Amino acid sequence: MSSDTEPGAGSDPASARPASTAAASTAGRPAARSAPAAPLTAFGMLRISGFLVLYVNAAVVFLGVMAQTIARGWLAFELTGSNAALGGVLLAFGVAMLVATPWGGVAADRLPKRLVLQVSVLLLALSSAWIGLAVAFGVIEYWMLLGAGIVQAIGFALFNPARMAFLAELLPSGSVPRGISLLLVNAEINRVVGPALAGAVIGAYAFGVQAVFLASAGLAAIGLLVSGALPPGRRSGDRPTRSPLAELADGVHYVRRHPRVGPLLLCGIGVTMAGLPYLAFLPTVASDLFDRGSAGYGILSAASAGGAVIAGSLLGRRVFQAHLSRVLLGSGVLFGLSVALLALAPTFWVAVGVLVVVGGAMLAFQTSNQSLLIGLSDMEYHGRVQGLIMLSFGAFGIAALPLGAVADVVGLRWTFAGMGSAVLVVMALFALGSRRRLAADERLRDLG
C-alpha cells in the first residue's frame, strides 16, 4: 500500500490547515511566505534565536535528567538493598506522568508557553536539589525518591507538550520535521552521555551521588535562566473562557472527530508502548544473554543512540521531509522487525548491529509521527495533541514492569519477539485504516 494515503505525503502537512489557523500560526515565526520555502538546514534553524534558546534549554535539562537515571538506581539500591526498589520509582514516575501529561497539554494551549516551560524546569530543578541536599545532609529516605519521581513527572508533563508546541511557532512550517528531529537526537545523545558522566562521578568520588543530583539541579537552573530569552509563546485567539477540564475534554473530542489526527495519535501510542520498553531490558541483554556486564550495557546503549543520530541526520534531507507518511510507515515496520530480530541475535556484536537499526527506526518513527500530528492539527490544539501523545511515554514506564514479569517466565528472547510482533500489528492496523480512509475519500469525490 502506498503510504501516500495519509495526508502530508509529498507535501507540507501544514498546508492543509485552515487559512485562519495558518495565519495565527505565524506568531513567533519568521515572516510568512506566499509559497512553501525549502526547509532550513540545522545551522539555519539554530540561527533563529528562539529555536536556539529552545534547543539549549532542552540540551541542559535532558543532560541532567538522564544523568539522574544512574544515580537514582544506585541510591535506591543502597537504601533498600532491593533491585525492585528502582521499579517502584519508575512506577511512581509512570503513574504520575499518565495523570499529569494531558493537563500539561492543556496548560500549553491555555497559557504562555514560555511560562509553562519555566514552571516545568523549576519543578525539575527542585526535585533534583531536594534529593541532592537530603543525601548531603544524611537524611535521605526511600520515600523521598518516590516523591521526587512524582514531582519530576509533573515537570515533564508540562515540559514536553509545551516544548513541541512552541517549536511549531518558532520555525517555518516546512522546517518543523527537521526541528523535531534535532530535539529528539539531542535527547538520544544525552541518554548516553548523561549516564556515562554520572557513572564516572559516582565511581570516582565518595560524594558522587549527591554531586550528580546537585549538578542536575544546576543544569536545570541554567535552563530556567536561558528560557527567559524566549518569546512569550501566547496561544492564538482570545483567552479561554472554559475551565481546564472543559479544555481537556475539547482536546480529546477534537482528536476523536479528526479523521487523520486520531489514527496517527493511536498509532504513535501503540508503537511506543509496545516497542520502547526494549530500553529497560538492555542491562539484561548485556549481562544475561551475552555476559558482558556494565561495559556491554554501555555499548548497547551507545549503539541505539548512535542509530538515532544517524537517522536524525538522514531525516534532514528534503526527500524524507517531503514524504513523511512513507517514513512513518516504513520506520514503524522496520522498528517492529528489528525489535523482533533481537530475539534471534546469536552474538553480542550482532545485537549491537540490530540495536543501531532499532534506535534509528524509532527516532524516524517518532519524528514523522510528531511532525504529522503538528502539521495536521490546528495550532490552538498543538499542546493538547502533544500532551496526549506523551501519554505513551508515561505508559512505557508502567508497561516495562509487566513485560519484565513476562520475560522472567518465558525468557527475554520470546519477549522481544512478542514486542516486535505487537508493533507490526499496530502498523498493519494503521495501514489498513489509511486504505479505508482513502477509499472513503474517493467515493465522496465520485459522488461530488
Protein backbone atom coordinates (compact mmCIF):
# COMPACT_ATOMS: atom_id res chain seq x y z
CA MET A 1 0.00 0.00 0.00
CA SER A 2 1.33 3.43 -0.81
CA SER A 3 1.68 5.47 2.31
CA ASP A 4 0.57 8.50 0.36
CA THR A 5 -2.88 7.52 1.59
CA GLU A 6 -2.08 9.52 4.71
CA PRO A 7 -2.14 13.29 4.32
CA GLY A 8 1.15 15.02 4.35
CA ALA A 9 2.85 12.61 1.98
CA GLY A 10 4.62 14.54 -0.70
CA SER A 11 3.62 17.90 0.74
CA ASP A 12 3.90 20.08 3.79
CA PRO A 13 1.20 18.91 6.22
CA ALA A 14 0.75 22.44 7.49
CA SER A 15 -0.52 23.47 4.08
CA ALA A 16 -3.75 21.56 4.78
CA ARG A 17 -4.65 23.80 7.73
CA PRO A 18 -7.50 26.27 7.56
CA ALA A 19 -6.43 29.73 6.46
CA SER A 20 -7.29 31.27 9.80
CA THR A 21 -5.10 28.79 11.63
CA ALA A 22 -2.23 29.27 9.24
CA ALA A 23 -2.41 33.00 9.75
CA ALA A 24 -2.50 32.67 13.50
CA SER A 25 0.48 30.34 13.48
CA THR A 26 2.87 32.99 12.23
CA ALA A 27 3.32 34.44 15.71
CA GLY A 28 6.86 33.93 16.88
CA ARG A 29 7.99 32.61 13.48
CA PRO A 30 10.00 34.19 10.71
CA ALA A 31 7.93 36.17 8.23
CA ALA A 32 5.43 34.02 6.39
CA ARG A 33 5.99 33.35 2.69
CA SER A 34 3.39 33.12 -0.02
CA ALA A 35 4.87 29.81 -1.22
CA PRO A 36 6.42 26.98 0.81
CA ALA A 37 10.09 27.61 1.35
CA ALA A 38 12.81 24.97 1.33
CA PRO A 39 13.40 23.51 4.80
CA LEU A 40 16.16 25.24 6.71
CA THR A 41 19.40 23.43 7.44
CA ALA A 42 20.28 22.60 11.04
CA PHE A 43 22.54 25.64 11.21
CA GLY A 44 19.85 27.76 9.60
CA MET A 45 17.37 26.77 12.29
CA LEU A 46 19.89 27.42 15.06
CA ARG A 47 20.33 30.95 13.70
CA ILE A 48 16.70 31.59 14.68
CA SER A 49 17.20 32.90 18.19
CA GLY A 50 14.02 31.42 19.64
CA PHE A 51 14.77 27.92 18.38
CA LEU A 52 18.39 28.17 19.55
CA VAL A 53 17.19 29.03 23.06
CA LEU A 54 14.70 26.14 23.00
CA TYR A 55 17.45 23.77 21.82
CA VAL A 56 19.94 24.84 24.51
CA ASN A 57 17.23 24.68 27.15
CA ALA A 58 16.36 21.10 26.19
CA ALA A 59 20.04 20.11 25.99
CA VAL A 60 20.97 21.16 29.52
CA VAL A 61 17.73 19.91 31.08
CA PHE A 62 17.90 16.47 29.46
CA LEU A 63 21.59 16.05 30.26
CA GLY A 64 20.84 16.47 33.95
CA VAL A 65 17.74 14.29 33.92
CA MET A 66 19.46 11.43 32.07
CA ALA A 67 22.41 11.58 34.48
CA GLN A 68 19.98 11.03 37.33
CA THR A 69 18.84 7.67 35.97
CA ILE A 70 22.10 6.06 37.12
CA ALA A 71 22.28 7.95 40.41
CA ARG A 72 18.64 7.20 41.25
CA GLY A 73 19.05 3.47 40.67
CA TRP A 74 22.27 3.37 42.68
CA LEU A 75 20.71 5.30 45.54
CA ALA A 76 17.52 3.20 45.56
CA PHE A 77 19.58 0.01 45.85
CA GLU A 78 21.77 1.50 48.60
CA LEU A 79 18.72 2.49 50.63
CA THR A 80 16.76 -0.75 50.26
CA GLY A 81 19.15 -3.47 49.08
CA SER A 82 16.50 -4.45 46.53
CA ASN A 83 16.55 -4.23 42.76
CA ALA A 84 12.74 -3.93 42.89
CA ALA A 85 13.19 -0.53 44.56
CA LEU A 86 14.06 1.04 41.21
CA GLY A 87 10.91 -0.48 39.75
CA GLY A 88 8.94 1.33 42.43
CA VAL A 89 10.49 4.66 41.47
CA LEU A 90 9.73 4.01 37.79
CA LEU A 91 6.17 3.07 38.66
CA ALA A 92 5.63 6.27 40.67
CA PHE A 93 7.04 8.30 37.78
CA GLY A 94 4.96 6.48 35.16
CA VAL A 95 1.64 6.77 37.03
CA ALA A 96 2.23 10.47 37.72
CA MET A 97 3.06 11.02 34.03
CA LEU A 98 -0.13 9.31 32.93
CA VAL A 99 -2.24 11.51 35.20
CA ALA A 100 -0.43 14.81 34.64
CA THR A 101 0.54 14.78 30.95
CA PRO A 102 -2.89 15.60 29.46
CA TRP A 103 -3.08 18.60 31.81
CA GLY A 104 0.36 19.67 30.62
CA GLY A 105 -1.06 19.83 27.11
CA VAL A 106 -3.97 21.95 28.35
CA ALA A 107 -1.51 24.31 30.07
CA ALA A 108 0.50 24.66 26.85
CA ASP A 109 -2.65 25.73 24.98
CA ARG A 110 -4.11 27.99 27.71
CA LEU A 111 -1.02 29.79 28.99
CA PRO A 112 2.08 31.46 27.54
CA LYS A 113 4.34 28.57 26.57
CA ARG A 114 7.42 30.28 27.99
CA LEU A 115 5.76 30.38 31.41
CA VAL A 116 4.82 26.69 31.17
CA LEU A 117 8.42 25.79 30.27
CA GLN A 118 9.80 27.85 33.13
CA VAL A 119 7.48 26.27 35.69
CA SER A 120 8.35 22.81 34.40
CA VAL A 121 12.11 23.38 34.57
CA LEU A 122 11.74 24.86 38.05
CA LEU A 123 9.99 21.66 39.19
CA LEU A 124 12.78 19.56 37.67
CA ALA A 125 15.40 21.66 39.45
CA LEU A 126 13.62 21.39 42.80
CA SER A 127 13.16 17.62 42.54
CA SER A 128 16.91 17.19 41.88
CA ALA A 129 18.08 19.65 44.53
CA TRP A 130 15.80 18.05 47.14
CA ILE A 131 17.44 14.63 46.77
CA GLY A 132 20.97 16.02 46.46
CA LEU A 133 20.66 18.03 49.67
CA ALA A 134 18.97 15.14 51.51
CA VAL A 135 21.89 12.87 50.63
CA ALA A 136 24.45 15.53 51.53
CA PHE A 137 22.90 16.06 55.00
CA GLY A 138 22.38 12.34 55.62
CA VAL A 139 18.58 12.46 55.89
CA ILE A 140 17.68 10.67 52.65
CA GLU A 141 14.94 8.03 52.74
CA TYR A 142 13.40 5.87 50.03
CA TRP A 143 10.04 7.65 50.12
CA MET A 144 11.85 10.84 49.11
CA LEU A 145 12.89 9.17 45.85
CA LEU A 146 9.26 8.30 45.18
CA GLY A 147 8.19 11.88 45.91
CA ALA A 148 10.94 13.33 43.72
CA GLY A 149 9.91 10.97 40.92
CA ILE A 150 6.34 12.28 41.10
CA VAL A 151 7.49 15.92 41.06
CA GLN A 152 9.79 15.17 38.13
CA ALA A 153 6.93 13.51 36.26
CA ILE A 154 4.77 16.61 36.70
CA GLY A 155 7.66 18.72 35.43
CA PHE A 156 7.99 16.54 32.34
CA ALA A 157 4.22 16.57 31.84
CA LEU A 158 4.46 20.35 31.45
CA PHE A 159 7.82 20.44 29.65
CA ASN A 160 7.28 18.09 26.71
CA PRO A 161 3.96 19.33 25.26
CA ALA A 162 4.97 22.98 25.66
CA ARG A 163 8.36 22.35 24.04
CA MET A 164 6.92 20.64 20.96
CA ALA A 165 4.03 23.10 20.60
CA PHE A 166 6.49 26.00 20.97
CA LEU A 167 8.67 24.58 18.19
CA ALA A 168 5.80 24.92 15.71
CA GLU A 169 5.63 28.65 16.46
CA LEU A 170 9.37 29.29 16.23
CA LEU A 171 10.14 27.60 12.90
CA PRO A 172 8.71 27.91 9.38
CA SER A 173 6.25 25.05 8.82
CA GLY A 174 8.49 23.31 6.28
CA SER A 175 11.31 23.07 8.82
CA VAL A 176 9.25 21.62 11.69
CA PRO A 177 10.12 17.95 10.94
CA ARG A 178 13.84 18.73 10.94
CA GLY A 179 13.46 20.74 14.14
CA ILE A 180 11.69 17.84 15.87
CA SER A 181 14.43 15.51 14.67
CA LEU A 182 17.12 17.80 16.11
CA LEU A 183 15.44 17.85 19.52
CA LEU A 184 14.98 14.08 19.55
CA VAL A 185 18.60 13.43 18.51
CA ASN A 186 19.70 15.79 21.27
CA ALA A 187 17.76 13.69 23.79
CA GLU A 188 19.26 10.45 22.43
CA ILE A 189 22.82 11.77 22.76
CA ASN A 190 22.16 12.85 26.33
CA ARG A 191 20.68 9.42 27.06
CA VAL A 192 24.20 8.03 26.57
CA VAL A 193 26.36 10.95 27.73
CA GLY A 194 24.38 11.70 30.91
CA PRO A 195 24.55 8.20 32.47
CA ALA A 196 28.20 7.81 31.40
CA LEU A 197 29.20 11.03 33.17
CA ALA A 198 27.11 10.12 36.22
CA GLY A 199 28.69 6.68 36.45
CA ALA A 200 32.16 8.20 36.31
CA VAL A 201 31.35 10.73 39.04
CA ILE A 202 29.75 8.13 41.33
CA GLY A 203 32.69 5.76 40.89
CA ALA A 204 35.38 8.40 41.36
CA TYR A 205 34.12 10.38 44.35
CA ALA A 206 32.73 9.44 47.74
CA PHE A 207 30.18 12.26 47.35
CA GLY A 208 29.33 11.22 43.80
CA VAL A 209 25.61 10.55 44.23
CA GLN A 210 24.74 13.93 45.70
CA ALA A 211 27.06 15.61 43.21
CA VAL A 212 25.04 14.14 40.32
CA PHE A 213 21.72 15.33 41.75
CA LEU A 214 23.02 18.79 42.61
CA ALA A 215 24.68 19.15 39.21
CA SER A 216 21.39 18.16 37.60
CA ALA A 217 19.64 20.88 39.61
CA GLY A 218 22.29 23.35 38.47
CA LEU A 219 21.78 22.41 34.82
CA ALA A 220 18.03 22.87 35.22
CA ALA A 221 18.68 26.28 36.77
CA ILE A 222 20.74 27.20 33.70
CA GLY A 223 17.87 26.05 31.50
CA LEU A 224 15.50 28.20 33.53
CA LEU A 225 17.67 31.29 33.03
CA VAL A 226 18.13 30.62 29.33
CA SER A 227 14.38 30.23 28.79
CA GLY A 228 13.92 33.90 29.73
CA ALA A 229 15.16 34.79 26.23
CA LEU A 230 12.22 33.00 24.59
CA PRO A 231 9.24 34.95 23.24
CA PRO A 232 6.08 34.58 25.36
CA GLY A 233 4.53 31.99 23.05
CA ARG A 234 0.95 33.00 23.72
CA ARG A 235 -1.92 30.93 22.40
CA SER A 236 -3.67 32.22 19.30
CA GLY A 237 -7.08 33.86 19.60
CA ASP A 238 -8.88 35.10 22.69
CA ARG A 239 -8.08 33.89 26.17
CA PRO A 240 -10.07 30.75 27.05
CA THR A 241 -13.27 31.17 28.98
CA ARG A 242 -13.79 27.46 29.64
CA SER A 243 -12.40 25.52 32.58
CA PRO A 244 -9.21 23.42 32.18
CA LEU A 245 -11.38 20.27 32.38
CA ALA A 246 -13.55 21.53 29.52
CA GLU A 247 -10.40 22.36 27.54
CA LEU A 248 -9.10 18.83 28.09
CA ALA A 249 -12.43 17.31 27.04
CA ASP A 250 -12.45 19.53 23.96
CA GLY A 251 -8.95 18.34 23.04
CA VAL A 252 -9.96 14.69 23.33
CA HIS A 253 -13.11 15.37 21.28
CA TYR A 254 -11.02 17.17 18.64
CA VAL A 255 -8.74 14.15 18.26
CA ARG A 256 -11.69 11.74 18.10
CA ARG A 257 -13.51 13.69 15.38
CA HIS A 258 -10.41 14.47 13.30
CA PRO A 259 -10.16 11.71 10.66
CA ARG A 260 -6.38 11.88 10.42
CA VAL A 261 -5.05 13.09 13.77
CA GLY A 262 -6.82 10.38 15.80
CA PRO A 263 -5.33 7.40 13.90
CA LEU A 264 -1.86 8.98 13.95
CA LEU A 265 -2.12 9.51 17.70
CA LEU A 266 -3.26 5.94 18.38
CA CYS A 267 -0.51 4.58 16.13
CA GLY A 268 2.15 6.60 17.99
CA ILE A 269 0.90 5.49 21.40
CA GLY A 270 0.65 1.83 20.36
CA VAL A 271 4.11 1.61 18.82
CA THR A 272 5.77 3.43 21.74
CA MET A 273 4.11 1.29 24.41
CA ALA A 274 4.75 -1.99 22.60
CA GLY A 275 8.31 -1.39 21.46
CA LEU A 276 10.08 1.29 23.50
CA PRO A 277 10.41 -0.86 26.67
CA TYR A 278 13.34 -2.55 24.92
CA LEU A 279 15.42 0.20 26.56
CA ALA A 280 14.60 -1.16 30.02
CA PHE A 281 15.91 -4.60 29.06
CA LEU A 282 19.31 -3.60 27.68
CA PRO A 283 21.12 -4.29 31.01
CA THR A 284 19.67 -7.83 30.97
CA VAL A 285 20.64 -8.29 27.32
CA ALA A 286 24.23 -7.35 28.15
CA SER A 287 24.52 -9.36 31.37
CA ASP A 288 22.29 -12.41 30.97
CA LEU A 289 22.23 -13.06 27.23
CA PHE A 290 25.86 -12.22 26.42
CA ASP A 291 27.68 -11.99 29.79
CA ARG A 292 29.13 -8.54 29.02
CA GLY A 293 28.18 -6.72 32.24
CA SER A 294 28.05 -2.96 32.62
CA ALA A 295 30.54 -2.34 29.81
CA GLY A 296 28.31 -4.26 27.43
CA TYR A 297 25.30 -2.27 28.57
CA GLY A 298 27.14 0.94 27.71
CA ILE A 299 27.96 -0.36 24.23
CA LEU A 300 24.37 -1.46 23.58
CA SER A 301 23.01 1.91 24.77
CA ALA A 302 25.52 3.77 22.61
CA ALA A 303 24.57 1.64 19.58
CA SER A 304 20.88 2.50 19.96
CA ALA A 305 21.63 6.20 20.41
CA GLY A 306 24.10 6.13 17.52
CA GLY A 307 21.41 4.74 15.24
CA ALA A 308 19.14 7.59 16.30
CA VAL A 309 21.82 10.16 15.48
CA ILE A 310 22.33 8.63 12.03
CA ALA A 311 18.58 8.61 11.38
CA GLY A 312 18.31 12.21 12.57
CA SER A 313 20.94 13.35 10.09
CA LEU A 314 19.24 11.50 7.22
CA LEU A 315 15.82 12.88 8.08
CA GLY A 316 17.20 16.36 7.48
CA ARG A 317 17.23 15.63 3.76
CA ARG A 318 14.37 17.18 1.85
CA VAL A 319 13.40 13.91 0.15
CA PHE A 320 12.44 12.43 3.54
CA GLN A 321 10.62 15.53 4.74
CA ALA A 322 8.53 15.55 1.56
CA HIS A 323 7.26 12.01 2.24
CA LEU A 324 6.63 11.91 5.96
CA SER A 325 3.84 9.35 5.69
CA ARG A 326 6.12 6.91 3.90
CA VAL A 327 8.78 7.50 6.53
CA LEU A 328 6.20 6.84 9.26
CA LEU A 329 5.01 3.57 7.77
CA GLY A 330 8.45 2.31 6.77
CA SER A 331 10.17 3.21 10.03
CA GLY A 332 7.35 1.73 12.12
CA VAL A 333 7.56 -1.59 10.29
CA LEU A 334 11.37 -1.55 10.46
CA PHE A 335 11.24 -0.83 14.19
CA GLY A 336 8.95 -3.79 14.82
CA LEU A 337 11.07 -6.13 12.69
CA SER A 338 14.33 -5.07 14.32
CA VAL A 339 12.97 -5.43 17.87
CA ALA A 340 11.82 -8.94 16.94
CA LEU A 341 15.27 -9.66 15.45
CA LEU A 342 16.84 -9.01 18.84
CA ALA A 343 15.28 -12.31 19.84
CA LEU A 344 17.42 -14.07 17.24
CA ALA A 345 20.75 -12.26 17.74
CA PRO A 346 23.30 -15.09 18.15
CA THR A 347 26.21 -12.93 19.36
CA PHE A 348 26.77 -9.70 21.22
CA TRP A 349 28.04 -7.82 18.17
CA VAL A 350 25.08 -8.90 16.06
CA ALA A 351 22.84 -7.46 18.82
CA VAL A 352 24.85 -4.23 18.64
CA GLY A 353 24.19 -4.01 14.89
CA VAL A 354 20.50 -4.71 15.34
CA LEU A 355 20.24 -2.01 18.01
CA VAL A 356 21.68 0.57 15.61
CA VAL A 357 18.68 -0.18 13.37
CA VAL A 358 16.27 -0.22 16.34
CA GLY A 359 17.41 3.21 17.55
CA GLY A 360 17.34 4.74 14.08
CA ALA A 361 13.92 3.35 13.21
CA MET A 362 12.41 4.50 16.50
CA LEU A 363 13.68 8.06 16.08
CA ALA A 364 12.45 8.18 12.46
CA PHE A 365 9.03 6.97 13.60
CA GLN A 366 8.80 9.48 16.44
CA THR A 367 9.92 12.36 14.22
CA SER A 368 7.49 11.60 11.39
CA ASN A 369 4.62 10.87 13.78
CA GLN A 370 5.01 14.09 15.76
CA SER A 371 5.66 16.15 12.62
CA LEU A 372 2.46 14.91 11.00
CA LEU A 373 0.49 15.50 14.21
CA ILE A 374 1.72 19.10 14.39
CA GLY A 375 1.22 19.71 10.68
CA LEU A 376 -2.32 18.32 10.55
CA SER A 377 -3.70 19.71 13.82
CA ASP A 378 -4.85 23.28 14.37
CA MET A 379 -2.43 25.45 16.31
CA GLU A 380 -4.79 26.03 19.23
CA TYR A 381 -4.75 22.25 19.83
CA HIS A 382 -0.99 21.65 19.48
CA GLY A 383 -0.35 21.44 23.22
CA ARG A 384 -3.23 19.06 23.94
CA VAL A 385 -2.37 16.80 20.99
CA GLN A 386 1.25 16.64 22.12
CA GLY A 387 0.10 16.02 25.69
CA LEU A 388 -1.91 13.01 24.52
CA ILE A 389 0.98 11.53 22.50
CA MET A 390 3.25 11.96 25.52
CA LEU A 391 0.91 9.65 27.46
CA SER A 392 2.70 6.77 25.75
CA PHE A 393 5.98 7.68 27.43
CA GLY A 394 4.40 7.55 30.87
CA ALA A 395 2.72 4.26 29.99
CA PHE A 396 6.05 2.93 28.71
CA GLY A 397 7.46 3.10 32.25
CA ILE A 398 4.49 1.12 33.52
CA ALA A 399 4.46 -1.35 30.60
CA ALA A 400 8.10 -2.24 31.29
CA LEU A 401 7.09 -3.87 34.60
CA PRO A 402 4.60 -6.46 33.27
CA LEU A 403 6.82 -7.09 30.26
CA GLY A 404 9.68 -7.76 32.68
CA ALA A 405 7.49 -10.26 34.52
CA VAL A 406 6.69 -11.96 31.20
CA ALA A 407 10.42 -12.08 30.39
CA ASP A 408 11.10 -13.79 33.73
CA VAL A 409 8.60 -16.52 32.80
CA VAL A 410 9.11 -17.09 29.07
CA GLY A 411 12.57 -15.58 28.57
CA LEU A 412 13.81 -12.30 27.17
CA ARG A 413 14.13 -13.52 23.59
CA TRP A 414 10.47 -14.57 23.40
CA THR A 415 9.51 -11.25 24.97
CA PHE A 416 11.38 -9.30 22.29
CA ALA A 417 9.66 -11.40 19.62
CA GLY A 418 6.27 -10.58 21.13
CA MET A 419 7.05 -6.87 21.41
CA GLY A 420 8.18 -6.65 17.80
CA SER A 421 5.11 -8.56 16.64
CA ALA A 422 2.85 -6.18 18.58
CA VAL A 423 4.46 -3.19 16.84
CA LEU A 424 3.86 -4.83 13.44
CA VAL A 425 0.19 -5.45 14.32
CA VAL A 426 -0.24 -1.77 15.24
CA MET A 427 1.34 -0.69 11.95
CA ALA A 428 -0.81 -3.15 9.96
CA LEU A 429 -3.99 -1.78 11.56
CA PHE A 430 -2.86 1.78 10.85
CA ALA A 431 -2.14 0.96 7.19
CA LEU A 432 -5.49 -0.80 6.82
CA GLY A 433 -7.30 2.20 8.29
CA SER A 434 -5.40 4.50 5.93
CA ARG A 435 -6.56 2.48 2.93
CA ARG A 436 -10.16 2.59 4.10
CA ARG A 437 -9.99 6.36 4.61
CA LEU A 438 -8.59 6.78 1.10
CA ALA A 439 -11.38 4.64 -0.38
CA ALA A 440 -14.00 6.67 1.50
CA ASP A 441 -12.49 9.95 0.25
CA GLU A 442 -12.54 8.65 -3.33
CA ARG A 443 -16.22 7.65 -3.01
CA LEU A 444 -17.06 11.13 -1.73
CA ARG A 445 -15.23 12.73 -4.66
CA ASP A 446 -17.12 10.47 -7.11
CA LEU A 447 -20.46 11.42 -5.53
CA GLY A 448 -19.48 15.08 -5.72
